[in-house]
Amino acid sequence: MLAEIKDLAENLAPRLIEIRRHLHSHPELSGEEYQTSAYVAGVLSSCGLHVTESVGKTGVMGELSGNNADHRTLAIRTDMDALPIQEITNREFASRNPGVMHACGHDVHTTLGLGTAMVLSQLSEALPGNMRFLFQPAEEIAKGARWMVDEGAMSGVNAIFGVHVFPSIPGKTVGIRYGALTAAADDLEIIIEGESGHGARPHQAIDAIWIASQVITTLQQAISRTQNSLHPVVLTIGEISGGRAPNVIADRVRMLGTVRSLHPDSYASLPNWIENIVTNICDTYGAKCQVNYHRAVPSVQNDAKLTQILESACREAWGNEQVQIINEPSLGAEDFSVYLEKVPGCMFRLGVGIAEQKNYPLHHPRFDVDEAAIVTGVVALAYTAYKYYQAK
């Protein structure tokens, strides 16, 4: 089976590169993936899959039936949306949509999902169980996975695999992580209400800007003294607004931020921890506050058994030299974790670093990939799917 999968993937390589470049040239923002989803549906239909469109707004679902020796269903999820970034790679297939770019590699992800479907559709008689391919919108705003789950995309699914490209890993290398892969990411809004006054007489007012500075400083300092240092927490206030004139004490400040955590204990305790600190500071100086803590996406926790199946398949397919164990998690976030609330799953990193040149990070306007890694990723996904049905 491995030899057949590799032969099919290699033969499809020119077509897969063509698909990737088409997607790269026509990026669409989160929730607006209309052309992308139509293109994906067309490719899936041409492979004989049963296709459902508009799952989770602009999501696409493709179903492939095996030989029914195993009644389980395995899902493979890839995402489709791009970022509001002006591309400056000067590639001939660069974005034709001004101000929008596939700077996070979702064009590659979509290609991997399509390539895996194209390969397995030619081997369905040897595939014991069923496959469901999920092409998800709006990952960049952490909403698409929830949209698809809410519309039944995970109904009947027993396990799920996902992939994300990584430019810091050499091209054609598979990065595997056991346990936590990414952090939980929550949204934070803090509103501080003081009292306005003359800038020359602060004792007659309640300075919301100064109190906001105390809140930010205290939250940052308190992490190192009240949170377990072995359970990483990152709190960033990325937006702050308040005040109307340089000589008027501000009576209101609004702050927006992100909170990242890896450990379940920290994840559970952070909302109350933040609210207590903000409330105590505001009480001390006579201000009022409102803390709005919104759960966005939980941590991606890779299932041990599925990760082992993935590692075994990749080592068998590509050898030990092309498999890299990732020792540390990322404090970035991924809404792939939403699917893991339903079934066990595993996400891996696909190295797309280009040899002998500078590799720009994800979300950079010069981000680029080693397209040879597409075959690596397709084989990894397709053979892992086959191996999944061999494991009981």
Protein backbone atom coordinates (compact mmCIF):
# COMPACT_ATOMS: atom_id res chain seq x y z
CA MET A 1 0.00 0.00 0.00
CA LEU A 2 2.80 2.44 0.85
CA ALA A 3 4.44 1.97 -2.55
CA GLU A 4 1.12 2.58 -4.31
CA ILE A 5 0.45 5.71 -2.26
CA LYS A 6 3.91 7.11 -2.97
CA ASP A 7 3.67 6.35 -6.70
CA LEU A 8 0.26 8.01 -6.95
CA ALA A 9 1.43 11.07 -5.02
CA GLU A 10 4.56 11.45 -7.12
CA ASN A 11 2.56 11.16 -10.33
CA LEU A 12 0.14 13.80 -9.03
CA ALA A 13 2.93 16.21 -8.03
CA PRO A 14 2.65 18.53 -11.08
CA ARG A 15 -1.13 18.73 -10.64
CA LEU A 16 -0.79 19.39 -6.91
CA ILE A 17 1.65 22.23 -7.52
CA GLU A 18 -0.76 23.63 -10.09
CA ILE A 19 -3.58 23.48 -7.52
CA ARG A 20 -1.46 25.14 -4.85
CA ARG A 21 -0.44 27.97 -7.15
CA HIS A 22 -4.02 28.56 -8.26
CA LEU A 23 -5.15 28.78 -4.63
CA HIS A 24 -2.21 31.01 -3.77
CA SER A 25 -3.08 33.40 -6.60
CA HIS A 26 -6.71 33.66 -5.49
CA PRO A 27 -6.71 34.05 -1.68
CA GLU A 28 -9.88 34.89 0.21
CA LEU A 29 -10.37 36.18 3.73
CA SER A 30 -12.04 34.31 6.58
CA GLY A 31 -15.70 33.63 5.90
CA GLU A 32 -15.36 34.82 2.29
CA GLU A 33 -13.89 31.65 0.75
CA TYR A 34 -16.55 31.39 -1.95
CA GLN A 35 -14.32 30.80 -4.97
CA THR A 36 -11.99 28.59 -2.97
CA SER A 37 -14.79 26.35 -1.72
CA ALA A 38 -16.29 26.06 -5.21
CA TYR A 39 -12.88 25.09 -6.58
CA VAL A 40 -12.37 22.52 -3.80
CA ALA A 41 -15.83 21.04 -4.38
CA GLY A 42 -15.07 20.68 -8.08
CA VAL A 43 -11.83 18.80 -7.50
CA LEU A 44 -13.45 16.48 -4.95
CA SER A 45 -16.39 15.76 -7.26
CA SER A 46 -14.02 14.91 -10.10
CA CYS A 47 -12.50 12.26 -7.83
CA GLY A 48 -15.87 10.63 -7.21
CA LEU A 49 -16.34 11.83 -3.63
CA HIS A 50 -19.74 12.77 -2.26
CA VAL A 51 -19.49 16.52 -1.70
CA THR A 52 -21.46 18.77 0.63
CA GLU A 53 -20.98 22.51 0.29
CA SER A 54 -21.79 25.41 2.62
CA VAL A 55 -21.00 23.42 5.75
CA GLY A 56 -20.20 26.08 8.31
CA LYS A 57 -20.91 28.95 5.89
CA THR A 58 -18.21 28.39 3.25
CA GLY A 59 -16.85 25.01 4.38
CA VAL A 60 -16.76 21.91 2.17
CA MET A 61 -17.08 18.27 3.18
CA GLY A 62 -16.03 15.33 1.00
CA GLU A 63 -16.97 11.72 1.79
CA LEU A 64 -15.07 8.68 0.53
CA SER A 65 -16.35 5.16 1.24
CA GLY A 66 -13.97 2.29 1.81
CA ASN A 67 -14.64 -1.44 1.42
CA ASN A 68 -16.73 -1.57 4.64
CA ALA A 69 -14.40 -4.01 6.39
CA ASP A 70 -14.20 -1.35 9.10
CA HIS A 71 -17.19 0.84 9.89
CA ARG A 72 -15.20 3.66 11.47
CA THR A 73 -14.86 7.07 9.85
CA LEU A 74 -11.60 9.01 9.89
CA ALA A 75 -11.58 12.74 9.20
CA ILE A 76 -8.81 14.87 7.75
CA ARG A 77 -9.17 18.61 8.27
CA THR A 78 -7.46 21.33 6.28
CA ASP A 79 -8.20 25.07 6.29
CA MET A 80 -8.71 27.45 3.38
CA ASP A 81 -8.66 31.12 4.46
CA ALA A 82 -5.99 33.75 3.86
CA LEU A 83 -4.78 36.83 5.73
CA PRO A 84 -5.17 40.61 5.19
CA ILE A 85 -1.52 41.00 4.14
CA GLN A 86 -0.07 42.52 0.97
CA GLU A 87 2.21 39.92 -0.61
CA ILE A 88 5.71 41.01 -1.68
CA THR A 89 7.24 37.72 -2.83
CA ASN A 90 7.30 38.72 -6.53
CA ARG A 91 6.41 35.15 -7.49
CA GLU A 92 4.69 34.70 -10.84
CA PHE A 93 1.75 33.13 -9.00
CA ALA A 94 1.62 35.78 -6.26
CA SER A 95 -1.74 36.95 -4.95
CA ARG A 96 -3.97 38.69 -7.46
CA ASN A 97 -6.18 39.97 -4.67
CA PRO A 98 -4.65 43.22 -3.33
CA GLY A 99 -4.09 43.19 0.40
CA VAL A 100 -4.87 39.47 0.79
CA MET A 101 -2.27 36.70 0.94
CA HIS A 102 -1.88 33.05 1.88
CA ALA A 103 0.82 34.00 4.38
CA CYS A 104 0.03 31.13 6.72
CA GLY A 105 0.20 28.31 4.17
CA HIS A 106 -3.50 27.45 4.03
CA ASP A 107 -3.18 27.16 0.26
CA VAL A 108 -0.76 24.30 0.93
CA HIS A 109 -3.09 22.81 3.55
CA THR A 110 -6.01 22.79 1.11
CA THR A 111 -3.77 21.20 -1.52
CA LEU A 112 -2.74 18.50 0.95
CA GLY A 113 -6.36 17.68 1.71
CA LEU A 114 -7.22 17.53 -2.00
CA GLY A 115 -4.12 15.49 -2.80
CA THR A 116 -4.89 12.97 -0.07
CA ALA A 117 -8.45 12.65 -1.36
CA MET A 118 -7.16 12.19 -4.91
CA VAL A 119 -4.77 9.43 -3.83
CA LEU A 120 -7.16 7.54 -1.56
CA SER A 121 -10.02 7.76 -4.06
CA GLN A 122 -7.90 5.55 -6.34
CA LEU A 123 -7.31 3.06 -3.51
CA SER A 124 -10.78 2.97 -1.97
CA GLU A 125 -11.21 -0.77 -2.52
CA ALA A 126 -8.17 -1.38 -0.30
CA LEU A 127 -9.28 1.17 2.30
CA PRO A 128 -11.16 -0.63 5.10
CA GLY A 129 -13.12 2.35 6.45
CA ASN A 130 -14.58 5.68 5.43
CA MET A 131 -12.85 9.02 5.01
CA ARG A 132 -14.28 12.47 5.58
CA PHE A 133 -12.33 15.44 4.26
CA LEU A 134 -13.12 18.73 5.98
CA PHE A 135 -12.11 21.93 4.20
CA GLN A 136 -12.60 24.59 6.83
CA PRO A 137 -13.12 28.33 6.51
CA ALA A 138 -12.17 31.06 8.97
CA GLU A 139 -9.35 29.44 10.91
CA GLU A 140 -7.53 32.75 11.15
CA ILE A 141 -10.38 34.24 13.18
CA ALA A 142 -10.83 31.00 15.17
CA LYS A 143 -14.47 30.55 14.16
CA GLY A 144 -14.57 28.12 11.24
CA ALA A 145 -14.13 24.91 13.21
CA ARG A 146 -17.02 25.79 15.49
CA TRP A 147 -19.18 26.67 12.48
CA MET A 148 -18.52 23.27 10.91
CA VAL A 149 -18.96 21.28 14.13
CA ASP A 150 -22.24 23.07 14.84
CA GLU A 151 -23.51 21.99 11.42
CA GLY A 152 -22.71 18.32 11.96
CA ALA A 153 -19.31 17.95 10.30
CA MET A 154 -18.13 15.59 13.05
CA SER A 155 -21.24 13.43 13.16
CA GLY A 156 -20.16 9.78 12.98
CA VAL A 157 -16.44 10.61 12.98
CA ASN A 158 -14.18 8.46 15.19
CA ALA A 159 -10.85 10.30 14.90
CA ILE A 160 -9.29 13.23 13.07
CA PHE A 161 -5.90 14.31 11.72
CA GLY A 162 -4.71 17.78 10.76
CA VAL A 163 -1.57 19.48 9.48
CA HIS A 164 0.09 22.88 9.55
CA VAL A 165 3.12 23.95 7.53
CA PHE A 166 6.14 25.31 9.37
CA PRO A 167 8.94 27.30 7.67
CA SER A 168 11.42 26.74 10.50
CA ILE A 169 11.38 22.98 9.81
CA PRO A 170 13.35 21.88 6.72
CA GLY A 171 11.26 21.12 3.66
CA LYS A 172 9.98 17.54 3.30
CA THR A 173 10.40 16.91 7.05
CA VAL A 174 7.47 15.88 9.24
CA GLY A 175 7.38 17.40 12.73
CA ILE A 176 5.60 15.30 15.33
CA ARG A 177 4.56 16.39 18.79
CA TYR A 178 3.17 14.20 21.58
CA GLY A 179 0.73 15.93 23.94
CA ALA A 180 0.18 19.69 23.82
CA LEU A 181 0.95 21.16 20.39
CA THR A 182 -0.59 24.62 20.69
CA ALA A 183 -1.94 26.80 23.46
CA ALA A 184 -5.44 27.73 24.46
CA ALA A 185 -6.17 31.27 23.26
CA ASP A 186 -8.76 33.43 24.97
CA ASP A 187 -9.92 36.99 24.26
CA LEU A 188 -9.84 39.63 26.97
CA GLU A 189 -11.60 42.99 27.24
CA ILE A 190 -11.07 45.28 30.24
CA ILE A 191 -13.01 48.52 30.65
CA ILE A 192 -12.02 50.95 33.39
CA GLU A 193 -14.40 53.74 34.40
CA GLY A 194 -12.94 56.69 36.33
CA GLU A 195 -13.92 60.34 36.65
CA SER A 196 -12.83 63.12 34.33
CA GLY A 197 -11.06 66.22 35.57
CA HIS A 198 -8.49 68.90 34.82
CA GLY A 199 -5.04 67.59 33.96
CA ALA A 200 -3.54 70.03 36.50
CA ARG A 201 -5.63 68.66 39.39
CA PRO A 202 -5.52 64.84 39.26
CA HIS A 203 -6.47 64.58 42.95
CA GLN A 204 -9.93 65.81 42.01
CA ALA A 205 -10.43 63.07 39.42
CA ILE A 206 -10.04 59.32 39.00
CA ASP A 207 -7.47 58.81 36.24
CA ALA A 208 -8.54 55.81 34.15
CA ILE A 209 -5.33 55.88 32.08
CA TRP A 210 -3.06 55.75 35.11
CA ILE A 211 -5.17 52.99 36.65
CA ALA A 212 -5.00 51.06 33.35
CA SER A 213 -1.20 51.29 33.52
CA GLN A 214 -1.31 49.80 37.02
CA VAL A 215 -3.54 46.98 35.77
CA ILE A 216 -1.21 46.11 32.88
CA THR A 217 1.92 46.23 35.04
CA THR A 218 0.39 44.21 37.85
CA LEU A 219 -0.97 41.51 35.56
CA GLN A 220 2.45 41.04 33.96
CA GLN A 221 4.28 40.97 37.29
CA ALA A 222 1.72 38.72 38.95
CA ILE A 223 2.17 35.99 36.33
CA SER A 224 5.71 35.35 37.56
CA ARG A 225 4.69 35.34 41.23
CA THR A 226 1.26 33.72 41.35
CA GLN A 227 1.19 31.38 38.35
CA ASN A 228 3.06 28.08 38.26
CA SER A 229 6.19 28.78 36.22
CA LEU A 230 6.03 25.24 34.83
CA HIS A 231 2.62 26.04 33.33
CA PRO A 232 3.29 28.85 30.81
CA VAL A 233 0.89 31.79 30.63
CA VAL A 234 1.20 34.72 28.24
CA LEU A 235 -1.06 37.75 28.59
CA THR A 236 -0.74 40.49 25.99
CA ILE A 237 -2.70 43.74 25.87
CA GLY A 238 -2.54 44.57 22.18
CA GLU A 239 -4.98 47.45 21.96
CA ILE A 240 -5.76 50.31 24.34
CA SER A 241 -7.88 53.42 23.90
CA GLY A 242 -8.95 56.23 26.19
CA GLY A 243 -8.88 59.97 26.73
CA ARG A 244 -10.03 62.90 24.64
CA ALA A 245 -7.52 65.72 25.21
CA PRO A 246 -3.97 66.11 26.58
CA ASN A 247 -5.07 68.31 29.47
CA VAL A 248 -8.16 66.30 30.47
CA ILE A 249 -7.92 63.29 32.77
CA ALA A 250 -9.51 60.32 31.04
CA ASP A 251 -12.63 58.87 32.59
CA ARG A 252 -12.67 55.68 30.51
CA VAL A 253 -10.12 53.25 29.11
CA ARG A 254 -10.79 50.13 27.04
CA MET A 255 -8.15 47.44 26.64
CA LEU A 256 -8.18 44.38 24.40
CA GLY A 257 -5.81 41.47 24.70
CA THR A 258 -5.10 37.79 24.29
CA VAL A 259 -4.42 35.20 26.98
CA ARG A 260 -2.47 32.03 26.14
CA SER A 261 -2.06 28.96 28.34
CA LEU A 262 -1.09 25.30 28.03
CA HIS A 263 -2.01 23.59 31.29
CA PRO A 264 -5.65 22.71 32.13
CA ASP A 265 -5.31 24.16 35.65
CA SER A 266 -4.17 27.54 34.33
CA TYR A 267 -6.82 27.47 31.63
CA ALA A 268 -9.54 26.97 34.24
CA SER A 269 -8.31 29.56 36.75
CA LEU A 270 -7.27 32.49 34.55
CA PRO A 271 -10.65 34.25 34.15
CA ASN A 272 -11.18 34.65 37.92
CA TRP A 273 -7.49 35.40 38.50
CA ILE A 274 -7.55 38.31 36.04
CA GLU A 275 -10.87 39.67 37.25
CA ASN A 276 -9.72 39.66 40.90
CA ILE A 277 -6.55 41.60 40.11
CA VAL A 278 -8.35 44.20 37.97
CA THR A 279 -11.15 44.61 40.51
CA ASN A 280 -8.78 45.02 43.46
CA ILE A 281 -6.74 47.70 41.70
CA CYS A 282 -9.82 49.63 40.61
CA ASP A 283 -11.34 49.40 44.11
CA THR A 284 -8.12 50.76 45.60
CA TYR A 285 -8.27 53.91 43.45
CA GLY A 286 -12.03 54.38 43.35
CA ALA A 287 -12.64 53.27 39.78
CA LYS A 288 -15.14 50.82 38.39
CA CYS A 289 -14.28 48.04 35.99
CA GLN A 290 -15.73 45.49 33.65
CA VAL A 291 -13.79 42.36 32.70
CA ASN A 292 -15.07 40.37 29.74
CA TYR A 293 -13.24 37.08 29.31
CA HIS A 294 -14.17 35.11 26.20
CA ARG A 295 -13.13 31.53 25.61
CA ALA A 296 -11.88 31.34 22.03
CA VAL A 297 -10.11 28.03 21.36
CA PRO A 298 -8.68 25.41 23.72
CA SER A 299 -5.25 23.84 23.48
CA VAL A 300 -4.51 21.24 20.79
CA GLN A 301 -3.73 18.09 22.74
CA ASN A 302 -2.51 15.32 20.45
CA ASP A 303 -3.81 11.85 21.26
CA ALA A 304 -0.94 9.51 22.13
CA LYS A 305 -2.18 6.50 20.15
CA LEU A 306 -2.94 8.50 17.01
CA THR A 307 0.39 10.32 17.26
CA GLN A 308 2.14 6.96 17.46
CA ILE A 309 0.30 5.78 14.32
CA LEU A 310 1.34 8.98 12.54
CA GLU A 311 4.98 8.68 13.62
CA SER A 312 5.16 5.03 12.57
CA ALA A 313 3.62 5.79 9.17
CA CYS A 314 5.97 8.72 8.50
CA ARG A 315 9.10 6.85 9.55
CA GLU A 316 8.09 3.93 7.35
CA ALA A 317 7.32 6.25 4.44
CA TRP A 318 10.23 8.67 4.63
CA GLY A 319 12.82 7.27 7.02
CA ASN A 320 14.03 8.59 10.35
CA GLU A 321 15.95 11.46 8.77
CA GLN A 322 12.72 13.09 7.61
CA VAL A 323 10.87 12.76 10.91
CA GLN A 324 11.50 15.29 13.67
CA ILE A 325 10.11 15.01 17.19
CA ILE A 326 9.00 18.44 18.41
CA ASN A 327 10.09 18.82 22.03
CA GLU A 328 8.24 22.01 22.92
CA PRO A 329 4.69 23.20 22.28
CA SER A 330 3.79 26.51 20.69
CA LEU A 331 1.90 29.31 22.37
CA GLY A 332 0.22 29.97 19.06
CA ALA A 333 -3.37 28.77 18.75
CA GLU A 334 -5.30 26.53 16.35
CA ASP A 335 -9.04 25.93 16.22
CA PHE A 336 -8.33 22.33 15.22
CA SER A 337 -8.73 21.91 18.98
CA VAL A 338 -12.49 22.39 18.60
CA TYR A 339 -12.71 19.06 16.76
CA LEU A 340 -10.78 17.43 19.59
CA GLU A 341 -13.65 18.25 21.93
CA LYS A 342 -15.58 15.62 19.96
CA VAL A 343 -13.05 12.90 19.13
CA PRO A 344 -9.35 12.12 19.64
CA GLY A 345 -7.05 13.57 17.04
CA CYS A 346 -3.55 14.61 16.07
CA MET A 347 -2.05 17.54 14.21
CA PHE A 348 1.48 17.52 12.83
CA ARG A 349 3.87 20.09 11.40
CA LEU A 350 4.99 19.83 7.79
CA GLY A 351 8.37 21.38 7.17
CA VAL A 352 8.36 23.77 4.21
CA GLY A 353 11.66 25.56 4.81
CA ILE A 354 13.54 26.22 1.60
CA ALA A 355 17.21 25.21 1.70
CA GLU A 356 19.93 27.83 1.34
CA GLN A 357 17.68 30.87 1.54
CA LYS A 358 16.10 32.96 4.27
CA ASN A 359 12.81 31.49 5.41
CA TYR A 360 10.33 34.11 6.55
CA PRO A 361 7.94 33.25 9.35
CA LEU A 362 4.24 32.59 9.11
CA HIS A 363 2.15 35.75 8.55
CA HIS A 364 5.06 37.53 6.85
CA PRO A 365 4.48 39.21 3.45
CA ARG A 366 7.50 37.33 2.05
CA PHE A 367 6.43 33.91 3.38
CA ASP A 368 7.14 31.13 0.89
CA VAL A 369 7.27 27.33 0.90
CA ASP A 370 9.22 24.43 -0.54
CA GLU A 371 6.58 22.95 -2.85
CA ALA A 372 8.34 19.57 -2.84
CA ALA A 373 6.95 19.15 0.67
CA ILE A 374 3.44 18.78 -0.76
CA VAL A 375 4.11 15.19 -1.81
CA THR A 376 5.62 14.51 1.61
CA GLY A 377 2.48 15.76 3.31
CA VAL A 378 0.08 13.90 1.04
CA VAL A 379 1.90 10.60 1.58
CA ALA A 380 2.03 11.23 5.33
CA LEU A 381 -1.73 11.83 5.51
CA ALA A 382 -2.75 9.06 3.12
CA TYR A 383 -0.54 6.37 4.62
CA THR A 384 -1.44 7.41 8.17
CA ALA A 385 -5.11 7.03 7.22
CA TYR A 386 -4.43 3.51 5.95
CA LYS A 387 -2.42 2.64 9.07
CA TYR A 388 -5.21 3.97 11.27
CA TYR A 389 -7.49 1.21 10.01
CA GLN A 390 -4.85 -1.42 10.67
CA ALA A 391 -4.67 -0.43 14.33
CA LYS A 392 -7.41 -1.68 16.60
